[in-house]
Every structure is written in structure tokens, then in C-alpha cells.
C-alpha atoms as a PDB file:
ATOM      1  CA  MET A   1     117.960 116.949 158.729  1.00  0.00           C
ATOM      2  CA  THR A   2     120.037 115.214 156.064  1.00  0.00           C
ATOM      3  CA  GLU A   3     117.356 112.612 155.383  1.00  0.00           C
ATOM      4  CA  VAL A   4     114.682 115.304 155.057  1.00  0.00           C
ATOM      5  CA  HIS A   5     116.917 117.237 152.666  1.00  0.00           C
ATOM      6  CA  GLU A   6     117.592 114.124 150.535  1.00  0.00           C
ATOM      7  CA  GLU A   7     113.882 113.241 150.352  1.00  0.00           C
ATOM      8  CA  SER A   8     113.048 116.810 149.401  1.00  0.00           C
ATOM      9  CA  GLY A   9     115.641 116.706 146.611  1.00  0.00           C
ATOM     10  CA  THR A  10     114.175 113.454 145.318  1.00  0.00           C
ATOM     11  CA  GLN A  11     110.698 114.946 145.346  1.00  0.00           C
ATOM     12  CA  GLN A  12     111.984 117.987 143.447  1.00  0.00           C
ATOM     13  CA  VAL A  13     113.517 115.724 140.801  1.00  0.00           C
ATOM     14  CA  LYS A  14     110.259 113.824 140.444  1.00  0.00           C
ATOM     15  CA  ARG A  15     108.251 117.040 140.166  1.00  0.00           C
ATOM     16  CA  SER A  16     110.685 118.374 137.576  1.00  0.00           C
ATOM     17  CA  SER A  17     110.434 115.140 135.579  1.00  0.00           C
ATOM     18  CA  ARG A  18     106.635 115.277 135.636  1.00  0.00           C
ATOM     19  CA  TRP A  19     106.685 118.881 134.438  1.00  0.00           C
ATOM     20  CA  ARG A  20     109.012 117.975 131.573  1.00  0.00           C
ATOM     21  CA  SER A  21     106.645 115.144 130.599  1.00  0.00           C
ATOM     22  CA  TRP A  22     103.685 117.502 130.529  1.00  0.00           C
ATOM     23  CA  LEU A  23     105.649 120.055 128.509  1.00  0.00           C
ATOM     24  CA  GLU A  24     106.805 117.403 126.038  1.00  0.00           C
ATOM     25  CA  LEU A  25     103.263 116.097 125.435  1.00  0.00           C
ATOM     26  CA  PRO A  26     102.068 119.071 123.324  1.00  0.00           C
ATOM     27  CA  VAL A  27     105.257 118.827 121.258  1.00  0.00           C
ATOM     28  CA  ILE A  28     104.692 115.108 120.607  1.00  0.00           C
ATOM     29  CA  VAL A  29     101.036 115.705 119.694  1.00  0.00           C
ATOM     30  CA  GLY A  30     102.020 118.613 117.453  1.00  0.00           C
ATOM     31  CA  VAL A  31     104.622 116.564 115.579  1.00  0.00           C
ATOM     32  CA  ALA A  32     102.171 113.665 115.151  1.00  0.00           C
ATOM     33  CA  LEU A  33      99.536 116.066 113.839  1.00  0.00           C
ATOM     34  CA  LEU A  34     101.991 117.647 111.410  1.00  0.00           C
ATOM     35  CA  LEU A  35     103.134 114.264 110.075  1.00  0.00           C
ATOM     36  CA  SER A  36      99.519 113.143 109.679  1.00  0.00           C
ATOM     37  CA  LEU A  37      98.632 116.308 107.797  1.00  0.00           C
ATOM     38  CA  LEU A  38     101.606 115.854 105.469  1.00  0.00           C
ATOM     39  CA  VAL A  39     100.680 112.231 104.741  1.00  0.00           C
ATOM     40  CA  ARG A  40      97.032 113.153 104.190  1.00  0.00           C
ATOM     41  CA  SER A  41      97.869 116.098 101.946  1.00  0.00           C
ATOM     42  CA  PHE A  42     100.487 114.487  99.722  1.00  0.00           C
ATOM     43  CA  LEU A  43     100.484 110.682 100.045  1.00  0.00           C
ATOM     44  CA  VAL A  44      97.394 108.792 101.206  1.00  0.00           C
ATOM     45  CA  GLU A  45      93.983 109.839 102.466  1.00  0.00           C
ATOM     46  CA  ALA A  46      91.117 107.763 103.845  1.00  0.00           C
ATOM     47  CA  PHE A  47      87.527 108.176 102.673  1.00  0.00           C
ATOM     48  CA  VAL A  48      84.245 106.634 103.785  1.00  0.00           C
ATOM     49  CA  ILE A  49      81.756 105.265 101.228  1.00  0.00           C
ATOM     50  CA  PRO A  50      78.355 106.885 101.860  1.00  0.00           C
ATOM     51  CA  SER A  51      76.156 105.250  99.206  1.00  0.00           C
ATOM     52  CA  GLY A  52      75.641 102.071  97.195  1.00  0.00           C
ATOM     53  CA  SER A  53      76.595 103.586  93.831  1.00  0.00           C
ATOM     54  CA  MET A  54      79.813 101.533  93.630  1.00  0.00           C
ATOM     55  CA  GLU A  55      78.471  98.174  94.875  1.00  0.00           C
ATOM     56  CA  GLN A  56      79.634  95.478  94.895  1.00  0.00           C
ATOM     57  CA  THR A  57      83.147  96.810  94.513  1.00  0.00           C
ATOM     58  CA  LEU A  58      82.637  99.241  97.400  1.00  0.00           C
ATOM     59  CA  ARG A  59      79.911  98.904  99.998  1.00  0.00           C
ATOM     60  CA  VAL A  60      78.192 101.466 102.179  1.00  0.00           C
ATOM     61  CA  GLY A  61      80.401 102.180 105.187  1.00  0.00           C
ATOM     62  CA  ASP A  62      83.626 100.884 103.619  1.00  0.00           C
ATOM     63  CA  ARG A  63      86.767 102.892 104.393  1.00  0.00           C
ATOM     64  CA  ILE A  64      89.078 103.167 101.415  1.00  0.00           C
ATOM     65  CA  ALA A  65      92.691 104.291 101.068  1.00  0.00           C
ATOM     66  CA  VAL A  66      93.248 106.774  98.243  1.00  0.00           C
ATOM     67  CA  GLU A  67      96.806 107.348  97.066  1.00  0.00           C
ATOM     68  CA  LYS A  68      97.637 110.800  95.725  1.00  0.00           C
ATOM     69  CA  VAL A  69     101.139 110.319  94.338  1.00  0.00           C
ATOM     70  CA  GLY A  70     100.605 108.124  91.280  1.00  0.00           C
ATOM     71  CA  TYR A  71      98.830 110.682  89.129  1.00  0.00           C
ATOM     72  CA  ARG A  72     101.585 113.225  89.703  1.00  0.00           C
ATOM     73  CA  PHE A  73     104.029 110.980  87.870  1.00  0.00           C
ATOM     74  CA  GLY A  74     101.645 108.963  85.714  1.00  0.00           C
ATOM     75  CA  SER A  75      98.305 109.237  83.984  1.00  0.00           C
ATOM     76  CA  ILE A  76      94.749 108.224  84.816  1.00  0.00           C
ATOM     77  CA  SER A  77      93.710 104.945  83.193  1.00  0.00           C
ATOM     78  CA  ARG A  78      90.365 103.571  82.099  1.00  0.00           C
ATOM     79  CA  GLY A  79      88.963 101.375  84.838  1.00  0.00           C
ATOM     80  CA  ASP A  80      90.587 103.306  87.687  1.00  0.00           C
ATOM     81  CA  VAL A  81      88.360 103.874  90.720  1.00  0.00           C
ATOM     82  CA  VAL A  82      88.913 107.517  91.610  1.00  0.00           C
ATOM     83  CA  VAL A  83      87.824 110.026  94.220  1.00  0.00           C
ATOM     84  CA  PHE A  84      87.145 113.494  92.835  1.00  0.00           C
ATOM     85  CA  HIS A  85      85.639 116.833  93.782  1.00  0.00           C
ATOM     86  CA  GLY A  86      82.181 116.946  92.238  1.00  0.00           C
ATOM     87  CA  PRO A  87      81.501 119.640  89.639  1.00  0.00           C
ATOM     88  CA  ALA A  88      78.764 122.182  90.330  1.00  0.00           C
ATOM     89  CA  GLY A  89      75.354 120.541  90.201  1.00  0.00           C
ATOM     90  CA  TRP A  90      76.450 117.111  91.402  1.00  0.00           C
ATOM     91  CA  GLU A  91      74.250 116.182  94.354  1.00  0.00           C
ATOM     92  CA  SER A  92      75.794 114.799  97.503  1.00  0.00           C
ATOM     93  CA  GLU A  93      75.757 111.030  97.921  1.00  0.00           C
ATOM     94  CA  THR A  94      76.172 111.262 101.689  1.00  0.00           C
ATOM     95  CA  SER A  95      73.298 109.943 103.768  1.00  0.00           C
ATOM     96  CA  GLY A  96      71.879 112.762 105.877  1.00  0.00           C
ATOM     97  CA  GLU A  97      73.396 116.093 106.864  1.00  0.00           C
ATOM     98  CA  GLY A  98      76.826 116.685 108.303  1.00  0.00           C
ATOM     99  CA  ALA A  99      77.187 116.269 112.037  1.00  0.00           C
ATOM    100  CA  GLY A 100      77.107 119.333 114.218  1.00  0.00           C
ATOM    101  CA  GLY A 101      78.015 120.193 117.789  1.00  0.00           C
ATOM    102  CA  VAL A 102      80.478 117.978 119.621  1.00  0.00           C
ATOM    103  CA  LEU A 103      80.277 115.169 117.031  1.00  0.00           C
ATOM    104  CA  GLY A 104      81.040 117.618 114.234  1.00  0.00           C
ATOM    105  CA  ALA A 105      84.045 118.941 116.148  1.00  0.00           C
ATOM    106  CA  VAL A 106      85.305 115.405 116.786  1.00  0.00           C
ATOM    107  CA  GLN A 107      84.959 114.558 113.090  1.00  0.00           C
ATOM    108  CA  THR A 108      86.836 117.713 112.136  1.00  0.00           C
ATOM    109  CA  VAL A 109      89.733 116.968 114.482  1.00  0.00           C
ATOM    110  CA  GLY A 110      89.737 113.340 113.347  1.00  0.00           C
ATOM    111  CA  SER A 111      90.032 114.431 109.732  1.00  0.00           C
ATOM    112  CA  TRP A 112      93.206 116.367 110.638  1.00  0.00           C
ATOM    113  CA  PHE A 113      94.738 113.033 111.663  1.00  0.00           C
ATOM    114  CA  GLY A 114      93.621 111.393 108.424  1.00  0.00           C
ATOM    115  CA  LEU A 115      90.516 109.665 109.809  1.00  0.00           C
ATOM    116  CA  PRO A 116      87.778 109.290 107.157  1.00  0.00           C
ATOM    117  CA  THR A 117      84.686 111.488 107.470  1.00  0.00           C
ATOM    118  CA  PRO A 118      81.689 111.849 105.142  1.00  0.00           C
ATOM    119  CA  SER A 119      81.989 114.704 102.636  1.00  0.00           C
ATOM    120  CA  ASP A 120      79.341 116.459 100.545  1.00  0.00           C
ATOM    121  CA  ASP A 121      81.878 117.440  97.888  1.00  0.00           C
ATOM    122  CA  ASP A 122      83.799 114.238  97.152  1.00  0.00           C
ATOM    123  CA  PHE A 123      82.596 111.395  94.943  1.00  0.00           C
ATOM    124  CA  VAL A 124      83.948 107.960  94.024  1.00  0.00           C
ATOM    125  CA  LYS A 125      83.340 106.489  90.554  1.00  0.00           C
ATOM    126  CA  ARG A 126      85.080 104.399  87.908  1.00  0.00           C
ATOM    127  CA  VAL A 127      86.800 106.072  84.959  1.00  0.00           C
ATOM    128  CA  ILE A 128      85.203 104.853  81.722  1.00  0.00           C
ATOM    129  CA  GLY A 129      86.294 107.502  79.219  1.00  0.00           C
ATOM    130  CA  LEU A 130      89.550 109.449  78.882  1.00  0.00           C
ATOM    131  CA  PRO A 131      90.108 112.703  76.971  1.00  0.00           C
ATOM    132  CA  GLY A 132      89.276 112.169  73.299  1.00  0.00           C
ATOM    133  CA  ASP A 133      87.365 108.904  73.839  1.00  0.00           C
ATOM    134  CA  HIS A 134      83.969 108.351  72.277  1.00  0.00           C
ATOM    135  CA  VAL A 135      81.802 106.603  74.894  1.00  0.00           C
ATOM    136  CA  GLU A 136      78.365 105.256  74.090  1.00  0.00           C
ATOM    137  CA  CYS A 137      75.666 102.774  74.998  1.00  0.00           C
ATOM    138  CA  ALA A 138      72.605 102.105  72.841  1.00  0.00           C
ATOM    139  CA  GLY A 139      70.399 101.235  75.829  1.00  0.00           C
ATOM    140  CA  PRO A 140      69.296  98.381  78.121  1.00  0.00           C
ATOM    141  CA  GLY A 141      70.898  95.013  77.446  1.00  0.00           C
ATOM    142  CA  LEU A 142      73.664  96.487  75.281  1.00  0.00           C
ATOM    143  CA  PRO A 143      77.298  97.070  76.266  1.00  0.00           C
ATOM    144  CA  VAL A 144      79.099 100.308  76.884  1.00  0.00           C
ATOM    145  CA  LYS A 145      81.489 100.976  74.026  1.00  0.00           C
ATOM    146  CA  VAL A 146      84.654 103.063  74.022  1.00  0.00           C
ATOM    147  CA  ASN A 147      85.880 104.088  70.585  1.00  0.00           C
ATOM    148  CA  GLY A 148      83.576 101.483  69.037  1.00  0.00           C
ATOM    149  CA  LYS A 149      84.805  98.572  71.154  1.00  0.00           C
ATOM    150  CA  ALA A 150      82.581  96.926  73.783  1.00  0.00           C
ATOM    151  CA  VAL A 151      83.992  97.176  77.304  1.00  0.00           C
ATOM    152  CA  ALA A 152      84.162  93.980  79.376  1.00  0.00           C
ATOM    153  CA  GLU A 153      82.754  95.161  82.710  1.00  0.00           C
ATOM    154  CA  SER A 154      82.893  92.269  85.168  1.00  0.00           C
ATOM    155  CA  TYR A 155      82.627  94.738  88.045  1.00  0.00           C
ATOM    156  CA  ILE A 156      79.040  95.824  87.269  1.00  0.00           C
ATOM    157  CA  TYR A 157      76.522  95.085  90.034  1.00  0.00           C
ATOM    158  CA  PRO A 158      74.832  91.697  89.386  1.00  0.00           C
ATOM    159  CA  GLY A 159      71.637  92.100  87.363  1.00  0.00           C
ATOM    160  CA  ASP A 160      72.382  95.677  86.263  1.00  0.00           C
ATOM    161  CA  ASP A 161      72.454  96.761  82.627  1.00  0.00           C
ATOM    162  CA  PRO A 162      75.666  98.500  81.515  1.00  0.00           C
ATOM    163  CA  SER A 163      73.388 101.522  81.117  1.00  0.00           C
ATOM    164  CA  GLY A 164      69.619 101.700  81.471  1.00  0.00           C
ATOM    165  CA  THR A 165      69.528 104.834  79.310  1.00  0.00           C
ATOM    166  CA  PRO A 166      71.239 105.401  75.955  1.00  0.00           C
ATOM    167  CA  PHE A 167      73.992 107.992  75.568  1.00  0.00           C
ATOM    168  CA  SER A 168      76.758 108.941  73.168  1.00  0.00           C
ATOM    169  CA  VAL A 169      79.494 111.427  74.097  1.00  0.00           C
ATOM    170  CA  THR A 170      83.018 112.442  73.148  1.00  0.00           C
ATOM    171  CA  VAL A 171      85.181 113.320  76.160  1.00  0.00           C
ATOM    172  CA  PRO A 172      86.755 116.789  75.823  1.00  0.00           C
ATOM    173  CA  PRO A 173      90.479 117.408  76.441  1.00  0.00           C
ATOM    174  CA  GLY A 174      91.291 117.498  80.171  1.00  0.00           C
ATOM    175  CA  ASP A 175      88.055 115.769  81.188  1.00  0.00           C
ATOM    176  CA  LEU A 176      86.839 112.280  82.192  1.00  0.00           C
ATOM    177  CA  TRP A 177      83.631 110.285  81.818  1.00  0.00           C
ATOM    178  CA  VAL A 178      82.847 108.395  85.033  1.00  0.00           C
ATOM    179  CA  MET A 179      80.231 105.823  86.023  1.00  0.00           C
ATOM    180  CA  GLY A 180      79.332 103.894  89.169  1.00  0.00           C
ATOM    181  CA  ASP A 181      79.560 100.104  89.241  1.00  0.00           C
ATOM    182  CA  HIS A 182      75.967  99.900  90.515  1.00  0.00           C
ATOM    183  CA  ARG A 183      74.612 101.371  87.296  1.00  0.00           C
ATOM    184  CA  GLY A 184      70.999 101.314  88.451  1.00  0.00           C
ATOM    185  CA  ASP A 185      71.808 103.307  91.613  1.00  0.00           C
ATOM    186  CA  SER A 186      74.485 105.746  90.480  1.00  0.00           C
ATOM    187  CA  ALA A 187      74.031 109.430  89.685  1.00  0.00           C
ATOM    188  CA  ASP A 188      77.162 109.604  87.554  1.00  0.00           C
ATOM    189  CA  SER A 189      78.153 111.346  84.311  1.00  0.00           C
ATOM    190  CA  ARG A 190      75.006 110.031  82.600  1.00  0.00           C
ATOM    191  CA  SER A 191      72.814 111.940  85.048  1.00  0.00           C
ATOM    192  CA  HIS A 192      74.434 115.268  84.207  1.00  0.00           C
ATOM    193  CA  LEU A 193      74.274 115.362  80.429  1.00  0.00           C
ATOM    194  CA  ASP A 194      72.074 118.470  80.619  1.00  0.00           C
ATOM    195  CA  ASP A 195      74.419 120.292  83.026  1.00  0.00           C
ATOM    196  CA  PRO A 196      76.768 122.998  81.735  1.00  0.00           C
ATOM    197  CA  ASP A 197      79.707 120.560  82.053  1.00  0.00           C
ATOM    198  CA  ARG A 198      77.633 117.811  80.283  1.00  0.00           C
ATOM    199  CA  GLY A 199      78.608 115.284  82.977  1.00  0.00           C
ATOM    200  CA  PHE A 200      82.348 115.468  82.396  1.00  0.00           C
ATOM    201  CA  VAL A 201      84.754 115.627  85.352  1.00  0.00           C
ATOM    202  CA  PRO A 202      87.934 117.742  85.026  1.00  0.00           C
ATOM    203  CA  GLU A 203      91.099 115.718  85.533  1.00  0.00           C
ATOM    204  CA  HIS A 204      92.443 118.370  87.905  1.00  0.00           C
ATOM    205  CA  ASP A 205      89.525 117.699  90.270  1.00  0.00           C
ATOM    206  CA  VAL A 206      90.653 114.101  90.835  1.00  0.00           C
ATOM    207  CA  VAL A 207      91.969 113.618  94.378  1.00  0.00           C
ATOM    208  CA  GLY A 208      93.560 110.229  93.739  1.00  0.00           C
ATOM    209  CA  ARG A 209      93.037 106.539  93.010  1.00  0.00           C
ATOM    210  CA  ALA A 210      91.349 104.161  95.440  1.00  0.00           C
ATOM    211  CA  VAL A 211      93.876 101.384  96.082  1.00  0.00           C
ATOM    212  CA  ALA A 212      92.395  99.331  98.930  1.00  0.00           C
ATOM    213  CA  VAL A 213      89.449  98.754 101.228  1.00  0.00           C
ATOM    214  CA  VAL A 214      90.930  99.095 104.705  1.00  0.00           C
ATOM    215  CA  TRP A 215      87.799  98.726 106.864  1.00  0.00           C
ATOM    216  CA  PRO A 216      85.872  96.694 107.918  1.00  0.00           C
ATOM    217  CA  PRO A 217      88.291  93.759 108.318  1.00  0.00           C
ATOM    218  CA  THR A 218      85.828  91.384 106.636  1.00  0.00           C
ATOM    219  CA  HIS A 219      86.085  93.429 103.436  1.00  0.00           C
ATOM    220  CA  TRP A 220      89.830  94.150 103.386  1.00  0.00           C
ATOM    221  CA  ARG A 221      91.188  93.896  99.858  1.00  0.00           C
ATOM    222  CA  ARG A 222      93.338  95.591  97.267  1.00  0.00           C
ATOM    223  CA  LEU A 223      91.618  97.389  94.397  1.00  0.00           C
ATOM    224  CA  PRO A 224      93.567  96.464  91.242  1.00  0.00           C
ATOM    225  CA  ARG A 225      93.350  98.401  88.018  1.00  0.00           C
ATOM    226  CA  ASP A 226      90.850  96.743  85.660  1.00  0.00           C
END
């Protein structure tokens, strides 16, 4: 009888331990989810590149890390690669429609944990003009100028003109003028000159600065400020 009683007690301890493990699991998952949400909301967020508008700096399918803290304590600089919420009228650069069904649900849950998912509302471009800047280009074969000075743009896609179409704008207070590095394949500020916002992007719509390519491993690199 004693042996049976001792075995039963051991089994009860094991069952109790298993129950505690199962009860602790939701708590662990909840804490991990909360920490991920905090990091994603205030520190760093991952984004996926859906188009070739920033080649060769960023390629289709690249995953980039975007830090959100710097602009809270500092200012946006010319040459920064930024992610921003597109103003009304900016067409999505994502390839195809958003996923639905199970895949859509998986992507949604993954985004809670900071995993990158395609977005119809977010864009990535390079800052060319800051508030008050006069930005212009006289046309094919000629440089982009900011406040009368030609910009050295080593990042432009090989073979592209700095701008295939002429433009001349003065950036209003609180706005930015942005362009893609693949000038021949980028629907950037130049493409929206006839929109109500005239192609300018409000500074408060900037999510953060792209600081690194984190995937795929063959394209890992830091994105310095030019």
C-alpha cells in the first residue's frame, strides 16, 4: 500500500508540474508579444521592399530595419533613406493585393511580433529636399540641384539620369521632397506635382530612418547617411 501511495504522490506532482507549465505558457507568450509590440512601436520596425524604386541601394524582397528613435531627438537630413506613410494619391508600390484567408491572418499575427509584411500605405525613398530648400533639375543628363548646388548622387541606379523630367520646387515648411534611387522606376515626389500636396511629404508622416538591410544574408549591410 505504501508503494502505491508513494507512486500516486509522484504522479500527482508530475501532473501538477505539467499543469503549471501549461498555465505559464500563455503568460510567457503574452510577455513576449508585449515586448515585441513595444519595440516595434517605439524603437525598431522591420519592413519589406516591394518594388525596384530604390535599386541598387535596396532590392525587391530586402528586409530593412527602420529605427524610430533618432528623429525624436534629432532632425531629418538630406540623403536619409526614410519610410513614410504615403500622402493621399500615392499609389501602392506593393506587388499584387494583400493576402487573405489563413495567409493574411498569419501575416497579421507576424506583424504583431515585428515581422515585416507588405503594406499599401508605407513607402521608402531618399530625402533630397528639406523645408525651405529649392530643388530643381533642368532635365535628362543634368544634375539635381539643391539651393543652386549640384548634388553628388553616387547612389543613383547605374545608367539612370538624375531626373528624366525637369522640375523646380521650393519645399514648404514641415515638408520633404523625396526621390527613389532608381530614378527611371520610381513614382516619387516628381510624379505628384499635380496633386494637391504637389508631391511633398509631411515630416510628421515619416516612420523612421532605414539603418540596415537585415535579410537576405547575402545583402546584409548598414545604410549610412549620405
